[in-house]
Amino acid sequence: MLLAACAKAEDSTPADVAMQFYVTLEISGVRDLPEPRALMAIEPYLVPALATQLSAAYARRDSATKTAPTEKPPLADGNPFSSLFEGHSTYSAKSTTMRGDTALVLVAFTNTDQKPAVMWSDTLVLVKPQTTWRIADIRYGSTWEFGYQGALSQLLKTP
C-alpha cells in the first residue's frame, strides 16, 4: 500500500499537489502558523527550506508569547497559507503555468463567511527537486489593505 501511495505521488501534477496541500491543511485543522505536529502533516508538500521557515516562525512566535505574555506576538493573527487573514471557505486550482523547472499554480479562493463573500487568487510556486512536486512559496494575490502582501517566504522572515 505504501508503494502505491508513492507511485501515485510521483504521478501527481503540480495542481494535484496544491489541492492535496489545502486538503491536508483542512484535515489537520491548520488555521495559522502550524505547530510542530501539524507541520509534520504538511511537510511532505513543502520544500525543506519552507518547512524550516515555518518552524522558525512558530518558534519565534512561541518565544515571544512566553517572554511578553501581554503583548501580541509576531504572526499571531491570520492564516499564512492564503491572502485573507480569515482564510478561505472554498478553493480550486484554476491554471498551471510552467516556467522551466518551476510550476505556478493559480488557486482561486472564496470566503463566504465574509459578507459580501470575498474572492481572490494566490499562486503556489512548486518545484520538483526529486520525484514529486513540492511547494517552494505562496505568492499572495490580495488587493485589499488588510490581506497578506508579497509572498509567504517574505512573511515568515518578519521578526
Protein backbone atom coordinates (compact mmCIF):
# COMPACT_ATOMS: atom_id res chain seq x y z
CA MET A 1 0.00 0.00 0.00
CA LEU A 2 2.86 2.42 0.80
CA LEU A 3 4.37 1.73 -2.62
CA ALA A 4 1.05 2.52 -4.28
CA ALA A 5 0.89 5.86 -2.44
CA CYS A 6 4.46 6.69 -3.51
CA ALA A 7 3.71 5.83 -7.11
CA LYS A 8 0.60 7.99 -7.02
CA ALA A 9 2.57 10.91 -5.53
CA GLU A 10 5.17 10.60 -8.29
CA ASP A 11 2.40 10.85 -10.91
CA SER A 12 0.80 13.90 -9.27
CA THR A 13 0.65 17.13 -11.21
CA PRO A 14 1.56 20.45 -9.56
CA ALA A 15 -2.17 21.27 -9.32
CA ASP A 16 -2.81 17.89 -7.63
CA VAL A 17 -0.12 18.65 -5.04
CA ALA A 18 -1.56 22.13 -4.42
CA MET A 19 -5.04 20.71 -3.81
CA GLN A 20 -3.69 17.88 -1.61
CA PHE A 21 -1.84 20.51 0.42
CA TYR A 22 -5.01 22.50 1.12
CA VAL A 23 -6.97 19.34 1.94
CA THR A 24 -4.24 18.37 4.42
CA LEU A 25 -4.38 21.84 5.99
CA GLU A 26 -8.14 21.39 6.49
CA ILE A 27 -7.88 17.86 7.87
CA SER A 28 -5.11 18.96 10.25
CA GLY A 29 -7.12 22.00 11.37
CA VAL A 30 -4.29 24.39 10.47
CA ARG A 31 -5.62 27.97 10.55
CA ASP A 32 -2.44 29.86 11.44
CA LEU A 33 1.25 29.04 11.80
CA PRO A 34 1.35 25.27 12.19
CA GLU A 35 2.51 23.88 15.49
CA PRO A 36 5.16 21.13 15.19
CA ARG A 37 2.71 18.22 14.91
CA ALA A 38 0.66 19.98 12.21
CA LEU A 39 3.84 20.93 10.37
CA MET A 40 4.69 17.23 10.15
CA ALA A 41 1.40 16.67 8.32
CA ILE A 42 2.08 19.31 5.65
CA GLU A 43 5.84 18.91 5.41
CA PRO A 44 5.68 16.32 2.57
CA TYR A 45 4.18 19.05 0.36
CA LEU A 46 6.88 21.63 1.12
CA VAL A 47 10.49 22.12 0.10
CA PRO A 48 12.71 21.72 3.18
CA ALA A 49 13.61 25.43 3.26
CA LEU A 50 9.94 26.48 3.52
CA ALA A 51 9.26 23.90 6.24
CA THR A 52 12.27 25.24 8.16
CA GLN A 53 11.00 28.81 7.79
CA LEU A 54 7.57 27.80 9.13
CA SER A 55 9.15 26.02 12.08
CA ALA A 56 11.37 29.01 12.89
CA ALA A 57 8.46 31.45 12.65
CA TYR A 58 6.39 29.29 15.00
CA ALA A 59 9.32 29.13 17.46
CA ARG A 60 9.74 32.94 17.34
CA ARG A 61 6.03 33.43 17.98
CA ASP A 62 6.06 30.89 20.81
CA SER A 63 9.13 32.51 22.40
CA ALA A 64 7.62 36.00 22.12
CA THR A 65 4.42 34.77 23.77
CA LYS A 66 6.38 33.37 26.71
CA THR A 67 8.65 36.41 27.00
CA ALA A 68 5.89 39.02 26.84
CA PRO A 69 2.56 37.28 27.50
CA THR A 70 0.55 40.54 27.49
CA GLU A 71 1.89 41.66 24.10
CA LYS A 72 0.75 40.46 20.71
CA PRO A 73 3.46 38.17 19.27
CA PRO A 74 4.57 38.28 15.62
CA LEU A 75 2.35 36.38 13.20
CA ALA A 76 -0.31 35.95 15.88
CA ASP A 77 -3.18 36.56 13.51
CA GLY A 78 -4.17 35.04 10.29
CA ASN A 79 -3.86 32.10 8.01
CA PRO A 80 -0.47 32.45 6.28
CA PHE A 81 -1.46 29.99 3.56
CA SER A 82 -3.77 32.45 1.81
CA SER A 83 -4.02 36.21 1.31
CA LEU A 84 -7.04 36.65 3.56
CA PHE A 85 -6.22 36.56 7.30
CA GLU A 86 -9.50 34.76 7.99
CA GLY A 87 -8.71 32.05 5.47
CA HIS A 88 -10.97 30.52 2.87
CA SER A 89 -14.22 28.58 2.58
CA THR A 90 -13.56 27.09 -0.85
CA TYR A 91 -10.61 26.74 -3.19
CA SER A 92 -9.84 25.30 -6.60
CA ALA A 93 -6.86 25.11 -8.91
CA LYS A 94 -7.53 27.33 -11.91
CA SER A 95 -4.41 27.02 -14.04
CA THR A 96 -0.81 25.86 -14.09
CA THR A 97 1.95 27.73 -15.87
CA MET A 98 5.31 26.09 -16.39
CA ARG A 99 8.45 28.24 -16.22
CA GLY A 100 11.37 25.90 -16.78
CA ASP A 101 11.52 23.53 -13.79
CA THR A 102 9.02 25.64 -11.82
CA ALA A 103 5.24 25.34 -11.84
CA LEU A 104 2.98 28.25 -10.93
CA VAL A 105 -0.43 27.04 -9.81
CA LEU A 106 -3.11 29.71 -9.64
CA VAL A 107 -5.57 28.85 -6.88
CA ALA A 108 -8.93 30.63 -6.63
CA PHE A 109 -10.34 31.13 -3.13
CA THR A 110 -13.65 32.26 -1.69
CA ASN A 111 -14.52 33.16 1.89
CA THR A 112 -18.30 33.02 2.26
CA ASP A 113 -18.14 33.88 5.97
CA GLN A 114 -17.40 37.47 4.93
CA LYS A 115 -20.40 39.49 3.78
CA PRO A 116 -20.30 40.01 0.90
CA ALA A 117 -18.24 36.97 0.04
CA VAL A 118 -14.58 37.66 -0.73
CA MET A 119 -12.88 36.10 -3.76
CA TRP A 120 -9.18 36.16 -4.65
CA SER A 121 -6.39 34.13 -6.17
CA ASP A 122 -2.96 33.22 -4.87
CA THR A 123 -0.18 31.50 -6.78
CA LEU A 124 1.64 28.47 -5.40
CA VAL A 125 5.20 28.11 -6.63
CA LEU A 126 6.20 24.46 -6.96
CA VAL A 127 9.47 22.80 -7.86
CA LYS A 128 10.34 19.16 -8.43
CA PRO A 129 13.61 18.62 -6.55
CA GLN A 130 13.39 14.84 -6.83
CA THR A 131 10.42 12.70 -7.83
CA THR A 132 7.50 14.77 -6.52
CA TRP A 133 6.38 18.37 -6.81
CA ARG A 134 6.79 20.47 -3.66
CA ILE A 135 5.64 23.93 -2.69
CA ALA A 136 8.50 26.43 -2.54
CA ASP A 137 6.40 29.53 -1.85
CA ILE A 138 2.96 31.10 -1.98
CA ARG A 139 2.58 34.42 -3.75
CA TYR A 140 -0.30 36.37 -2.27
CA GLY A 141 -2.74 37.93 -4.68
CA SER A 142 -4.74 40.17 -2.35
CA THR A 143 -5.55 43.71 -3.31
CA TRP A 144 -7.12 44.81 -0.02
CA GLU A 145 -5.47 46.70 2.82
CA PHE A 146 -5.65 44.00 5.47
CA GLY A 147 -4.54 41.00 3.45
CA TYR A 148 -1.12 39.46 3.24
CA GLN A 149 1.04 41.02 0.54
CA GLY A 150 4.11 39.65 -1.21
CA ALA A 151 4.90 36.01 -0.52
CA LEU A 152 4.79 33.51 2.33
CA SER A 153 8.59 33.27 2.42
CA GLN A 154 8.81 37.06 2.96
CA LEU A 155 6.14 36.97 5.67
CA LEU A 156 8.00 34.22 7.56
CA LYS A 157 11.17 36.32 7.67
CA THR A 158 9.32 39.04 9.59
CA PRO A 159 10.80 39.31 13.11
